[in-house]
PDB file of N, CA and C in Angstrom:
ATOM      1  N   MET A   1     -24.386  -1.289  -7.599  1.00  0.00           N
ATOM      2  CA  MET A   1     -23.038  -0.601  -7.584  1.00  0.00           C
ATOM      3  C   MET A   1     -22.283  -1.146  -6.560  1.00  0.00           C
ATOM      4  N   SER A   2     -21.005  -1.360  -6.850  1.00  0.00           N
ATOM      5  CA  SER A   2     -20.004  -1.973  -6.188  1.00  0.00           C
ATOM      6  C   SER A   2     -19.655  -1.130  -4.918  1.00  0.00           C
ATOM      7  N   LYS A   3     -19.429  -1.868  -3.877  1.00  0.00           N
ATOM      8  CA  LYS A   3     -18.951  -1.154  -2.646  1.00  0.00           C
ATOM      9  C   LYS A   3     -17.484  -0.817  -2.782  1.00  0.00           C
ATOM     10  N   SER A   4     -17.045   0.245  -2.290  1.00  0.00           N
ATOM     11  CA  SER A   4     -15.617   0.687  -2.347  1.00  0.00           C
ATOM     12  C   SER A   4     -14.911   0.043  -1.148  1.00  0.00           C
ATOM     13  N   LEU A   5     -13.603  -0.383  -1.443  1.00  0.00           N
ATOM     14  CA  LEU A   5     -12.757  -1.109  -0.550  1.00  0.00           C
ATOM     15  C   LEU A   5     -11.447  -0.545  -0.348  1.00  0.00           C
ATOM     16  N   LEU A   6     -11.041  -0.163   0.872  1.00  0.00           N
ATOM     17  CA  LEU A   6      -9.833   0.416   1.190  1.00  0.00           C
ATOM     18  C   LEU A   6      -8.921  -0.819   1.917  1.00  0.00           C
ATOM     19  N   ILE A   7      -7.784  -1.107   1.275  1.00  0.00           N
ATOM     20  CA  ILE A   7      -6.925  -2.050   1.844  1.00  0.00           C
ATOM     21  C   ILE A   7      -5.814  -1.380   2.636  1.00  0.00           C
ATOM     22  N   ILE A   8      -5.647  -1.612   3.821  1.00  0.00           N
ATOM     23  CA  ILE A   8      -4.464  -0.950   4.604  1.00  0.00           C
ATOM     24  C   ILE A   8      -3.432  -1.997   4.918  1.00  0.00           C
ATOM     25  N   SER A   9      -2.259  -1.697   4.367  1.00  0.00           N
ATOM     26  CA  SER A   9      -1.151  -2.599   4.414  1.00  0.00           C
ATOM     27  C   SER A   9      -0.256  -2.035   5.447  1.00  0.00           C
ATOM     28  N   ARG A  10      -0.041  -2.766   6.615  1.00  0.00           N
ATOM     29  CA  ARG A  10       0.858  -2.250   7.787  1.00  0.00           C
ATOM     30  C   ARG A  10       1.996  -3.040   8.000  1.00  0.00           C
ATOM     31  N   GLN A  11       2.231  -4.112   7.110  1.00  0.00           N
ATOM     32  CA  GLN A  11       3.411  -4.939   7.409  1.00  0.00           C
ATOM     33  C   GLN A  11       4.419  -4.643   6.358  1.00  0.00           C
ATOM     34  N   SER A  12       5.769  -4.797   6.893  1.00  0.00           N
ATOM     35  CA  SER A  12       6.908  -4.643   6.009  1.00  0.00           C
ATOM     36  C   SER A  12       6.878  -5.782   4.935  1.00  0.00           C
ATOM     37  N   PRO A  13       7.479  -5.607   3.846  1.00  0.00           N
ATOM     38  CA  PRO A  13       7.547  -6.689   2.726  1.00  0.00           C
ATOM     39  C   PRO A  13       8.339  -8.006   3.305  1.00  0.00           C
ATOM     40  N   TRP A  14       9.076  -7.923   4.345  1.00  0.00           N
ATOM     41  CA  TRP A  14       9.864  -9.085   4.716  1.00  0.00           C
ATOM     42  C   TRP A  14       9.392  -9.693   6.035  1.00  0.00           C
ATOM     43  N   SER A  15       8.363  -9.142   6.675  1.00  0.00           N
ATOM     44  CA  SER A  15       7.867  -9.699   8.007  1.00  0.00           C
ATOM     45  C   SER A  15       6.875 -10.709   7.907  1.00  0.00           C
ATOM     46  N   GLY A  16       6.710 -11.309   6.663  1.00  0.00           N
ATOM     47  CA  GLY A  16       5.675 -12.478   6.606  1.00  0.00           C
ATOM     48  C   GLY A  16       4.734 -12.159   5.419  1.00  0.00           C
ATOM     49  N   PRO A  17       3.630 -12.983   5.281  1.00  0.00           N
ATOM     50  CA  PRO A  17       2.922 -12.961   4.057  1.00  0.00           C
ATOM     51  C   PRO A  17       1.882 -11.826   3.916  1.00  0.00           C
ATOM     52  N   SER A  18       1.728 -11.004   4.911  1.00  0.00           N
ATOM     53  CA  SER A  18       0.674 -10.015   4.951  1.00  0.00           C
ATOM     54  C   SER A  18       0.909  -8.958   3.834  1.00  0.00           C
ATOM     55  N   ALA A  19       2.058  -8.457   3.562  1.00  0.00           N
ATOM     56  CA  ALA A  19       2.187  -7.576   2.418  1.00  0.00           C
ATOM     57  C   ALA A  19       1.874  -8.073   1.165  1.00  0.00           C
ATOM     58  N   ARG A  20       2.318  -9.182   0.946  1.00  0.00           N
ATOM     59  CA  ARG A  20       2.006  -9.826  -0.395  1.00  0.00           C
ATOM     60  C   ARG A  20       0.491 -10.124  -0.429  1.00  0.00           C
ATOM     61  N   GLU A  21      -0.214 -10.545   0.602  1.00  0.00           N
ATOM     62  CA  GLU A  21      -1.641 -10.816   0.566  1.00  0.00           C
ATOM     63  C   GLU A  21      -2.282  -9.661   0.294  1.00  0.00           C
ATOM     64  N   ALA A  22      -2.005  -8.512   0.923  1.00  0.00           N
ATOM     65  CA  ALA A  22      -2.665  -7.262   0.685  1.00  0.00           C
ATOM     66  C   ALA A  22      -2.670  -6.831  -0.785  1.00  0.00           C
ATOM     67  N   LEU A  23      -1.367  -7.010  -1.342  1.00  0.00           N
ATOM     68  CA  LEU A  23      -1.349  -6.676  -2.817  1.00  0.00           C
ATOM     69  C   LEU A  23      -2.091  -7.693  -3.645  1.00  0.00           C
ATOM     70  N   ASP A  24      -2.162  -8.913  -3.275  1.00  0.00           N
ATOM     71  CA  ASP A  24      -2.978  -9.918  -3.992  1.00  0.00           C
ATOM     72  C   ASP A  24      -4.450  -9.505  -3.994  1.00  0.00           C
ATOM     73  N   ILE A  25      -4.814  -9.104  -2.924  1.00  0.00           N
ATOM     74  CA  ILE A  25      -6.353  -8.657  -2.709  1.00  0.00           C
ATOM     75  C   ILE A  25      -6.622  -7.534  -3.642  1.00  0.00           C
ATOM     76  N   ALA A  26      -5.659  -6.498  -3.533  1.00  0.00           N
ATOM     77  CA  ALA A  26      -5.892  -5.414  -4.529  1.00  0.00           C
ATOM     78  C   ALA A  26      -5.972  -5.704  -5.874  1.00  0.00           C
ATOM     79  N   LEU A  27      -4.973  -6.517  -6.338  1.00  0.00           N
ATOM     80  CA  LEU A  27      -4.930  -6.860  -7.663  1.00  0.00           C
ATOM     81  C   LEU A  27      -6.086  -7.744  -8.133  1.00  0.00           C
ATOM     82  N   ALA A  28      -6.617  -8.636  -7.284  1.00  0.00           N
ATOM     83  CA  ALA A  28      -7.844  -9.399  -7.568  1.00  0.00           C
ATOM     84  C   ALA A  28      -9.122  -8.458  -7.725  1.00  0.00           C
ATOM     85  N   GLY A  29      -9.165  -7.696  -6.741  1.00  0.00           N
ATOM     86  CA  GLY A  29     -10.345  -6.811  -6.679  1.00  0.00           C
ATOM     87  C   GLY A  29     -10.280  -5.766  -7.946  1.00  0.00           C
ATOM     88  N   GLY A  30      -8.982  -5.315  -8.341  1.00  0.00           N
ATOM     89  CA  GLY A  30      -9.023  -4.429  -9.453  1.00  0.00           C
ATOM     90  C   GLY A  30      -9.291  -5.158 -10.805  1.00  0.00           C
ATOM     91  N   ALA A  31      -8.949  -6.595 -10.864  1.00  0.00           N
ATOM     92  CA  ALA A  31      -9.346  -7.196 -12.078  1.00  0.00           C
ATOM     93  C   ALA A  31     -10.857  -7.445 -12.156  1.00  0.00           C
ATOM     94  N   PHE A  32     -11.591  -7.233 -11.089  1.00  0.00           N
ATOM     95  CA  PHE A  32     -13.023  -7.334 -11.214  1.00  0.00           C
ATOM     96  C   PHE A  32     -13.708  -5.809 -11.157  1.00  0.00           C
ATOM     97  N   ASP A  33     -12.817  -4.711 -11.486  1.00  0.00           N
ATOM     98  CA  ASP A  33     -13.190  -3.457 -11.502  1.00  0.00           C
ATOM     99  C   ASP A  33     -14.040  -3.012 -10.247  1.00  0.00           C
ATOM    100  N   LEU A  34     -13.453  -3.427  -9.166  1.00  0.00           N
ATOM    101  CA  LEU A  34     -14.064  -2.860  -7.907  1.00  0.00           C
ATOM    102  C   LEU A  34     -13.343  -1.560  -7.614  1.00  0.00           C
ATOM    103  N   PRO A  35     -14.135  -0.613  -6.942  1.00  0.00           N
ATOM    104  CA  PRO A  35     -13.426   0.682  -6.713  1.00  0.00           C
ATOM    105  C   PRO A  35     -12.496   0.387  -5.336  1.00  0.00           C
ATOM    106  N   ILE A  36     -11.223   0.381  -5.604  1.00  0.00           N
ATOM    107  CA  ILE A  36     -10.198  -0.127  -4.570  1.00  0.00           C
ATOM    108  C   ILE A  36      -9.085   1.031  -4.320  1.00  0.00           C
ATOM    109  N   GLY A  37      -8.870   1.236  -3.040  1.00  0.00           N
ATOM    110  CA  GLY A  37      -7.858   2.230  -2.631  1.00  0.00           C
ATOM    111  C   GLY A  37      -6.753   1.332  -1.759  1.00  0.00           C
ATOM    112  N   MET A  38      -5.632   1.806  -1.826  1.00  0.00           N
ATOM    113  CA  MET A  38      -4.649   1.045  -0.983  1.00  0.00           C
ATOM    114  C   MET A  38      -3.928   2.011  -0.053  1.00  0.00           C
ATOM    115  N   LEU A  39      -3.762   1.852   1.120  1.00  0.00           N
ATOM    116  CA  LEU A  39      -2.989   2.785   2.156  1.00  0.00           C
ATOM    117  C   LEU A  39      -1.870   1.943   2.748  1.00  0.00           C
ATOM    118  N   PHE A  40      -0.770   2.610   2.672  1.00  0.00           N
ATOM    119  CA  PHE A  40       0.463   2.040   3.317  1.00  0.00           C
ATOM    120  C   PHE A  40       0.670   2.715   4.599  1.00  0.00           C
ATOM    121  N   LEU A  41       0.666   2.015   5.682  1.00  0.00           N
ATOM    122  CA  LEU A  41       0.726   2.641   6.999  1.00  0.00           C
ATOM    123  C   LEU A  41       1.649   1.860   7.850  1.00  0.00           C
ATOM    124  N   ASP A  42       2.218   2.606   8.843  1.00  0.00           N
ATOM    125  CA  ASP A  42       3.201   1.813   9.827  1.00  0.00           C
ATOM    126  C   ASP A  42       4.388   1.309   8.923  1.00  0.00           C
ATOM    127  N   ASP A  43       4.738   0.034   9.302  1.00  0.00           N
ATOM    128  CA  ASP A  43       5.872  -0.598   8.590  1.00  0.00           C
ATOM    129  C   ASP A  43       5.585  -0.900   7.111  1.00  0.00           C
ATOM    130  N   GLY A  44       4.222  -0.832   6.676  1.00  0.00           N
ATOM    131  CA  GLY A  44       3.822  -1.033   5.311  1.00  0.00           C
ATOM    132  C   GLY A  44       4.466  -0.091   4.386  1.00  0.00           C
ATOM    133  N   VAL A  45       4.942   1.150   4.868  1.00  0.00           N
ATOM    134  CA  VAL A  45       5.604   2.106   4.041  1.00  0.00           C
ATOM    135  C   VAL A  45       6.764   1.524   3.437  1.00  0.00           C
ATOM    136  N   PHE A  46       7.479   0.572   4.144  1.00  0.00           N
ATOM    137  CA  PHE A  46       8.709  -0.003   3.601  1.00  0.00           C
ATOM    138  C   PHE A  46       8.418  -0.650   2.249  1.00  0.00           C
ATOM    139  N   GLN A  47       7.234  -1.043   1.929  1.00  0.00           N
ATOM    140  CA  GLN A  47       6.983  -1.614   0.667  1.00  0.00           C
ATOM    141  C   GLN A  47       7.181  -0.726  -0.472  1.00  0.00           C
ATOM    142  N   LEU A  48       7.014   0.627  -0.209  1.00  0.00           N
ATOM    143  CA  LEU A  48       7.261   1.578  -1.287  1.00  0.00           C
ATOM    144  C   LEU A  48       8.598   2.046  -1.354  1.00  0.00           C
ATOM    145  N   SER A  49       9.546   1.679  -0.524  1.00  0.00           N
ATOM    146  CA  SER A  49      10.809   2.265  -0.550  1.00  0.00           C
ATOM    147  C   SER A  49      11.647   1.589  -1.666  1.00  0.00           C
ATOM    148  N   SER A  50      12.417   2.550  -2.384  1.00  0.00           N
ATOM    149  CA  SER A  50      13.217   2.085  -3.591  1.00  0.00           C
ATOM    150  C   SER A  50      14.432   1.437  -3.240  1.00  0.00           C
ATOM    151  N   ALA A  51      14.879   1.602  -1.820  1.00  0.00           N
ATOM    152  CA  ALA A  51      16.125   1.214  -1.474  1.00  0.00           C
ATOM    153  C   ALA A  51      16.050  -0.334  -0.874  1.00  0.00           C
ATOM    154  N   GLN A  52      14.987  -1.037  -1.102  1.00  0.00           N
ATOM    155  CA  GLN A  52      14.889  -2.462  -0.716  1.00  0.00           C
ATOM    156  C   GLN A  52      15.969  -3.246  -1.299  1.00  0.00           C
ATOM    157  N   GLN A  53      16.485  -4.233  -0.472  1.00  0.00           N
ATOM    158  CA  GLN A  53      17.308  -5.281  -1.057  1.00  0.00           C
ATOM    159  C   GLN A  53      16.856  -6.727  -0.622  1.00  0.00           C
ATOM    160  N   PRO A  54      15.713  -7.147  -1.194  1.00  0.00           N
ATOM    161  CA  PRO A  54      15.061  -8.363  -0.690  1.00  0.00           C
ATOM    162  C   PRO A  54      15.944  -9.597  -0.867  1.00  0.00           C
ATOM    163  N   THR A  55      16.851  -9.623  -1.785  1.00  0.00           N
ATOM    164  CA  THR A  55      17.671 -10.904  -1.813  1.00  0.00           C
ATOM    165  C   THR A  55      18.590 -11.022  -0.712  1.00  0.00           C
ATOM    166  N   THR A  56      18.937  -9.911   0.086  1.00  0.00           N
ATOM    167  CA  THR A  56      19.817  -9.897   1.240  1.00  0.00           C
ATOM    168  C   THR A  56      19.145 -10.814   2.155  1.00  0.00           C
ATOM    169  N   LEU A  57      17.793 -10.705   2.264  1.00  0.00           N
ATOM    170  CA  LEU A  57      16.951 -11.400   3.274  1.00  0.00           C
ATOM    171  C   LEU A  57      16.403 -12.739   2.721  1.00  0.00           C
ATOM    172  N   GLN A  58      16.741 -13.139   1.542  1.00  0.00           N
ATOM    173  CA  GLN A  58      16.220 -14.177   0.729  1.00  0.00           C
ATOM    174  C   GLN A  58      14.827 -14.147   0.689  1.00  0.00           C
ATOM    175  N   GLN A  59      14.200 -12.909   0.201  1.00  0.00           N
ATOM    176  CA  GLN A  59      12.888 -12.693   0.108  1.00  0.00           C
ATOM    177  C   GLN A  59      12.615 -12.367  -1.369  1.00  0.00           C
ATOM    178  N   LYS A  60      11.426 -12.519  -1.882  1.00  0.00           N
ATOM    179  CA  LYS A  60      10.907 -12.164  -3.127  1.00  0.00           C
ATOM    180  C   LYS A  60      10.595 -10.685  -3.177  1.00  0.00           C
ATOM    181  N   ASP A  61      11.102 -10.033  -4.221  1.00  0.00           N
ATOM    182  CA  ASP A  61      10.717  -8.578  -4.479  1.00  0.00           C
ATOM    183  C   ASP A  61       9.283  -8.416  -4.797  1.00  0.00           C
ATOM    184  N   LEU A  62       8.641  -7.387  -4.050  1.00  0.00           N
ATOM    185  CA  LEU A  62       7.222  -7.147  -4.384  1.00  0.00           C
ATOM    186  C   LEU A  62       7.092  -6.129  -5.458  1.00  0.00           C
ATOM    187  N   GLY A  63       8.198  -5.543  -5.893  1.00  0.00           N
ATOM    188  CA  GLY A  63       8.146  -4.419  -6.924  1.00  0.00           C
ATOM    189  C   GLY A  63       7.328  -4.653  -8.112  1.00  0.00           C
ATOM    190  N   ALA A  64       7.293  -5.898  -8.584  1.00  0.00           N
ATOM    191  CA  ALA A  64       6.363  -6.076  -9.835  1.00  0.00           C
ATOM    192  C   ALA A  64       4.914  -6.020  -9.468  1.00  0.00           C
ATOM    193  N   ASN A  65       4.632  -6.533  -8.292  1.00  0.00           N
ATOM    194  CA  ASN A  65       3.217  -6.533  -7.802  1.00  0.00           C
ATOM    195  C   ASN A  65       2.852  -5.091  -7.664  1.00  0.00           C
ATOM    196  N   LEU A  66       3.606  -4.266  -7.042  1.00  0.00           N
ATOM    197  CA  LEU A  66       3.355  -2.787  -6.822  1.00  0.00           C
ATOM    198  C   LEU A  66       3.210  -2.082  -8.085  1.00  0.00           C
ATOM    199  N   GLN A  67       4.022  -2.371  -9.002  1.00  0.00           N
ATOM    200  CA  GLN A  67       4.014  -1.824 -10.396  1.00  0.00           C
ATOM    201  C   GLN A  67       2.750  -2.167 -11.185  1.00  0.00           C
ATOM    202  N   ALA A  68       2.187  -3.283 -10.818  1.00  0.00           N
ATOM    203  CA  ALA A  68       0.990  -3.785 -11.492  1.00  0.00           C
ATOM    204  C   ALA A  68      -0.309  -3.290 -11.044  1.00  0.00           C
ATOM    205  N   LEU A  69      -0.327  -2.596  -9.928  1.00  0.00           N
ATOM    206  CA  LEU A  69      -1.448  -1.983  -9.259  1.00  0.00           C
ATOM    207  C   LEU A  69      -2.200  -1.100 -10.337  1.00  0.00           C
ATOM    208  N   PRO A  70      -1.516  -0.085 -10.733  1.00  0.00           N
ATOM    209  CA  PRO A  70      -2.283   0.796 -11.709  1.00  0.00           C
ATOM    210  C   PRO A  70      -2.752   0.213 -12.998  1.00  0.00           C
ATOM    211  N   MET A  71      -2.005  -0.947 -13.448  1.00  0.00           N
ATOM    212  CA  MET A  71      -2.601  -1.656 -14.683  1.00  0.00           C
ATOM    213  C   MET A  71      -3.846  -2.433 -14.313  1.00  0.00           C
ATOM    214  N   PHE A  72      -4.111  -2.726 -13.036  1.00  0.00           N
ATOM    215  CA  PHE A  72      -5.259  -3.481 -12.569  1.00  0.00           C
ATOM    216  C   PHE A  72      -6.428  -2.488 -12.210  1.00  0.00           C
ATOM    217  N   GLY A  73      -6.164  -1.144 -12.440  1.00  0.00           N
ATOM    218  CA  GLY A  73      -7.167  -0.102 -12.041  1.00  0.00           C
ATOM    219  C   GLY A  73      -7.002   0.261 -10.582  1.00  0.00           C
ATOM    220  N   VAL A  74      -6.062  -0.050  -9.835  1.00  0.00           N
ATOM    221  CA  VAL A  74      -5.800   0.353  -8.497  1.00  0.00           C
ATOM    222  C   VAL A  74      -4.971   1.559  -8.453  1.00  0.00           C
ATOM    223  N   GLU A  75      -5.588   2.695  -8.571  1.00  0.00           N
ATOM    224  CA  GLU A  75      -4.747   3.942  -8.714  1.00  0.00           C
ATOM    225  C   GLU A  75      -4.898   4.860  -7.553  1.00  0.00           C
ATOM    226  N   ALA A  76      -5.745   4.557  -6.656  1.00  0.00           N
ATOM    227  CA  ALA A  76      -5.890   5.336  -5.516  1.00  0.00           C
ATOM    228  C   ALA A  76      -4.945   4.844  -4.425  1.00  0.00           C
ATOM    229  N   LEU A  77      -3.758   5.409  -4.400  1.00  0.00           N
ATOM    230  CA  LEU A  77      -2.729   4.786  -3.586  1.00  0.00           C
ATOM    231  C   LEU A  77      -2.272   5.956  -2.556  1.00  0.00           C
ATOM    232  N   TYR A  78      -2.217   5.700  -1.264  1.00  0.00           N
ATOM    233  CA  TYR A  78      -1.965   6.555  -0.258  1.00  0.00           C
ATOM    234  C   TYR A  78      -0.885   6.023   0.666  1.00  0.00           C
ATOM    235  N   VAL A  79      -0.080   6.998   1.281  1.00  0.00           N
ATOM    236  CA  VAL A  79       0.836   6.697   2.312  1.00  0.00           C
ATOM    237  C   VAL A  79       0.778   7.549   3.455  1.00  0.00           C
ATOM    238  N   ALA A  80       0.896   7.097   4.660  1.00  0.00           N
ATOM    239  CA  ALA A  80       0.855   7.777   5.839  1.00  0.00           C
ATOM    240  C   ALA A  80       2.150   8.678   6.053  1.00  0.00           C
ATOM    241  N   GLN A  81       1.994   9.857   6.055  1.00  0.00           N
ATOM    242  CA  GLN A  81       3.084  10.862   6.260  1.00  0.00           C
ATOM    243  C   GLN A  81       3.829  10.541   7.651  1.00  0.00           C
ATOM    244  N   ARG A  82       3.158  10.435   8.698  1.00  0.00           N
ATOM    245  CA  ARG A  82       3.802  10.203  10.042  1.00  0.00           C
ATOM    246  C   ARG A  82       4.608   8.833   9.907  1.00  0.00           C
ATOM    247  N   SER A  83       4.060   7.781   9.150  1.00  0.00           N
ATOM    248  CA  SER A  83       4.765   6.476   9.103  1.00  0.00           C
ATOM    249  C   SER A  83       6.080   6.655   8.444  1.00  0.00           C
ATOM    250  N   LEU A  84       5.995   7.495   7.260  1.00  0.00           N
ATOM    251  CA  LEU A  84       7.311   7.764   6.509  1.00  0.00           C
ATOM    252  C   LEU A  84       8.326   8.459   7.436  1.00  0.00           C
ATOM    253  N   ALA A  85       7.800   9.467   8.135  1.00  0.00           N
ATOM    254  CA  ALA A  85       8.735  10.278   8.949  1.00  0.00           C
ATOM    255  C   ALA A  85       9.329   9.520  10.131  1.00  0.00           C
ATOM    256  N   GLU A  86       8.573   8.683  10.720  1.00  0.00           N
ATOM    257  CA  GLU A  86       9.094   7.783  11.946  1.00  0.00           C
ATOM    258  C   GLU A  86      10.066   6.862  11.396  1.00  0.00           C
ATOM    259  N   ARG A  87      10.154   6.464  10.076  1.00  0.00           N
ATOM    260  CA  ARG A  87      10.894   5.444   9.625  1.00  0.00           C
ATOM    261  C   ARG A  87      12.076   6.004   8.769  1.00  0.00           C
ATOM    262  N   GLY A  88      12.148   7.420   8.681  1.00  0.00           N
ATOM    263  CA  GLY A  88      13.235   8.043   7.956  1.00  0.00           C
ATOM    264  C   GLY A  88      13.070   8.059   6.480  1.00  0.00           C
ATOM    265  N   LEU A  89      11.803   7.726   6.062  1.00  0.00           N
ATOM    266  CA  LEU A  89      11.605   7.553   4.566  1.00  0.00           C
ATOM    267  C   LEU A  89      10.973   8.897   3.922  1.00  0.00           C
ATOM    268  N   LEU A  90      10.729   9.829   4.702  1.00  0.00           N
ATOM    269  CA  LEU A  90       9.959  11.054   4.206  1.00  0.00           C
ATOM    270  C   LEU A  90      11.035  11.771   3.340  1.00  0.00           C
ATOM    271  N   GLY A  91      10.609  12.061   2.038  1.00  0.00           N
ATOM    272  CA  GLY A  91      11.402  12.697   1.139  1.00  0.00           C
ATOM    273  C   GLY A  91      12.378  11.778   0.263  1.00  0.00           C
ATOM    274  N   GLN A  92      12.399  10.478   0.640  1.00  0.00           N
ATOM    275  CA  GLN A  92      13.083   9.463  -0.008  1.00  0.00           C
ATOM    276  C   GLN A  92      12.385   8.974  -1.357  1.00  0.00           C
ATOM    277  N   PRO A  93      13.141   8.506  -2.352  1.00  0.00           N
ATOM    278  CA  PRO A  93      12.483   8.101  -3.567  1.00  0.00           C
ATOM    279  C   PRO A  93      11.600   6.839  -3.250  1.00  0.00           C
ATOM    280  N   MET A  94      10.494   6.673  -3.901  1.00  0.00           N
ATOM    281  CA  MET A  94       9.571   5.653  -3.686  1.00  0.00           C
ATOM    282  C   MET A  94       9.398   4.822  -5.045  1.00  0.00           C
ATOM    283  N   ARG A  95       8.994   3.579  -4.915  1.00  0.00           N
ATOM    284  CA  ARG A  95       8.734   2.669  -6.076  1.00  0.00           C
ATOM    285  C   ARG A  95       7.537   3.080  -6.888  1.00  0.00           C
ATOM    286  N   LEU A  96       6.552   3.739  -6.180  1.00  0.00           N
ATOM    287  CA  LEU A  96       5.326   4.074  -6.820  1.00  0.00           C
ATOM    288  C   LEU A  96       4.766   5.288  -6.254  1.00  0.00           C
ATOM    289  N   ALA A  97       4.166   6.058  -7.056  1.00  0.00           N
ATOM    290  CA  ALA A  97       3.682   7.416  -6.559  1.00  0.00           C
ATOM    291  C   ALA A  97       2.399   7.132  -5.796  1.00  0.00           C
ATOM    292  N   ALA A  98       2.399   7.750  -4.509  1.00  0.00           N
ATOM    293  CA  ALA A  98       1.312   7.535  -3.556  1.00  0.00           C
ATOM    294  C   ALA A  98       1.035   8.779  -2.975  1.00  0.00           C
ATOM    295  N   GLU A  99      -0.228   9.209  -2.803  1.00  0.00           N
ATOM    296  CA  GLU A  99      -0.487  10.526  -2.100  1.00  0.00           C
ATOM    297  C   GLU A  99      -0.215  10.482  -0.625  1.00  0.00           C
ATOM    298  N   CYS A 100       0.717  11.336  -0.229  1.00  0.00           N
ATOM    299  CA  CYS A 100       1.043  11.434   1.249  1.00  0.00           C
ATOM    300  C   CYS A 100       0.053  12.060   1.999  1.00  0.00           C
ATOM    301  N   LEU A 101      -0.447  11.462   3.107  1.00  0.00           N
ATOM    302  CA  LEU A 101      -1.519  12.008   3.969  1.00  0.00           C
ATOM    303  C   LEU A 101      -1.177  12.242   5.357  1.00  0.00           C
ATOM    304  N   ASP A 102      -1.680  13.458   5.981  1.00  0.00           N
ATOM    305  CA  ASP A 102      -1.440  13.699   7.398  1.00  0.00           C
ATOM    306  C   ASP A 102      -2.549  12.812   8.174  1.00  0.00           C
ATOM    307  N   ASP A 103      -2.372  12.909   9.624  1.00  0.00           N
ATOM    308  CA  ASP A 103      -3.349  12.155  10.287  1.00  0.00           C
ATOM    309  C   ASP A 103      -4.847  12.554  10.121  1.00  0.00           C
ATOM    310  N   ALA A 104      -5.124  13.791   9.820  1.00  0.00           N
ATOM    311  CA  ALA A 104      -6.480  14.149   9.778  1.00  0.00           C
ATOM    312  C   ALA A 104      -7.057  13.686   8.445  1.00  0.00           C
ATOM    313  N   ALA A 105      -6.128  13.764   7.282  1.00  0.00           N
ATOM    314  CA  ALA A 105      -6.569  13.200   5.976  1.00  0.00           C
ATOM    315  C   ALA A 105      -6.756  11.759   6.162  1.00  0.00           C
ATOM    316  N   LEU A 106      -5.950  10.971   6.818  1.00  0.00           N
ATOM    317  CA  LEU A 106      -6.169   9.522   6.855  1.00  0.00           C
ATOM    318  C   LEU A 106      -7.491   9.191   7.524  1.00  0.00           C
ATOM    319  N   SER A 107      -7.961   9.918   8.560  1.00  0.00           N
ATOM    320  CA  SER A 107      -9.245   9.656   9.148  1.00  0.00           C
ATOM    321  C   SER A 107     -10.285   9.909   8.063  1.00  0.00           C
ATOM    322  N   ALA A 108     -10.161  10.993   7.362  1.00  0.00           N
ATOM    323  CA  ALA A 108     -11.169  11.350   6.297  1.00  0.00           C
ATOM    324  C   ALA A 108     -11.173  10.285   5.178  1.00  0.00           C
ATOM    325  N   LEU A 109      -9.987   9.792   4.880  1.00  0.00           N
ATOM    326  CA  LEU A 109      -9.863   8.710   3.785  1.00  0.00           C
ATOM    327  C   LEU A 109     -10.617   7.492   4.187  1.00  0.00           C
ATOM    328  N   ILE A 110     -10.365   6.993   5.364  1.00  0.00           N
ATOM    329  CA  ILE A 110     -11.009   5.774   5.828  1.00  0.00           C
ATOM    330  C   ILE A 110     -12.545   5.886   5.940  1.00  0.00           C
ATOM    331  N   ASP A 111     -13.053   7.092   6.232  1.00  0.00           N
ATOM    332  CA  ASP A 111     -14.429   7.293   6.370  1.00  0.00           C
ATOM    333  C   ASP A 111     -15.079   7.258   4.915  1.00  0.00           C
ATOM    334  N   ARG A 112     -14.314   7.566   3.949  1.00  0.00           N
ATOM    335  CA  ARG A 112     -14.810   7.533   2.512  1.00  0.00           C
ATOM    336  C   ARG A 112     -15.218   6.107   1.955  1.00  0.00           C
ATOM    337  N   TYR A 113     -14.522   5.176   2.363  1.00  0.00           N
ATOM    338  CA  TYR A 113     -14.723   3.822   1.967  1.00  0.00           C
ATOM    339  C   TYR A 113     -15.768   3.011   2.654  1.00  0.00           C
ATOM    340  N   ASP A 114     -16.588   2.179   1.884  1.00  0.00           N
ATOM    341  CA  ASP A 114     -17.559   1.374   2.529  1.00  0.00           C
ATOM    342  C   ASP A 114     -16.973   0.231   3.365  1.00  0.00           C
ATOM    343  N   GLN A 115     -15.878  -0.346   2.815  1.00  0.00           N
ATOM    344  CA  GLN A 115     -15.232  -1.480   3.638  1.00  0.00           C
ATOM    345  C   GLN A 115     -13.813  -1.254   3.721  1.00  0.00           C
ATOM    346  N   VAL A 116     -13.247  -1.680   4.781  1.00  0.00           N
ATOM    347  CA  VAL A 116     -11.751  -1.528   5.054  1.00  0.00           C
ATOM    348  C   VAL A 116     -11.215  -2.818   5.499  1.00  0.00           C
ATOM    349  N   ILE A 117     -10.143  -3.351   4.834  1.00  0.00           N
ATOM    350  CA  ILE A 117      -9.435  -4.476   5.270  1.00  0.00           C
ATOM    351  C   ILE A 117      -7.987  -4.065   5.735  1.00  0.00           C
ATOM    352  N   THR A 118      -7.656  -4.603   6.911  1.00  0.00           N
ATOM    353  CA  THR A 118      -6.238  -4.185   7.275  1.00  0.00           C
ATOM    354  C   THR A 118      -5.443  -5.554   7.456  1.00  0.00           C
ATOM    355  N   LEU A 119      -4.247  -5.450   6.831  1.00  0.00           N
ATOM    356  CA  LEU A 119      -3.387  -6.661   6.883  1.00  0.00           C
ATOM    357  C   LEU A 119      -2.085  -6.193   7.342  1.00  0.00           C
TER     358      LEU A 119
END
């Protein structure tokens, strides 16, 4: 039986390669039918914002990668409520549906997974 993997993405989509790498790991694992969850935490919540303007920063849009997650079997998507609130994104439209979790639920989520990768 495959071990479950939680990928925690903590970087904004424009702060370096970490956001893209987290998505690449999730997509690759999903292609091999691994049980994968993805948590957007801290500045990683900006990846879900539908108000992004990546071309302004001369960056590539990660929207297509995000939209591909469910097609690759990565449907367990989570976002930290506190991170959304701290960045003024709580209640804003998101690119992808993700379950919003409070601090207690985040701790329980991390405990459910066999392996955790943080990028």
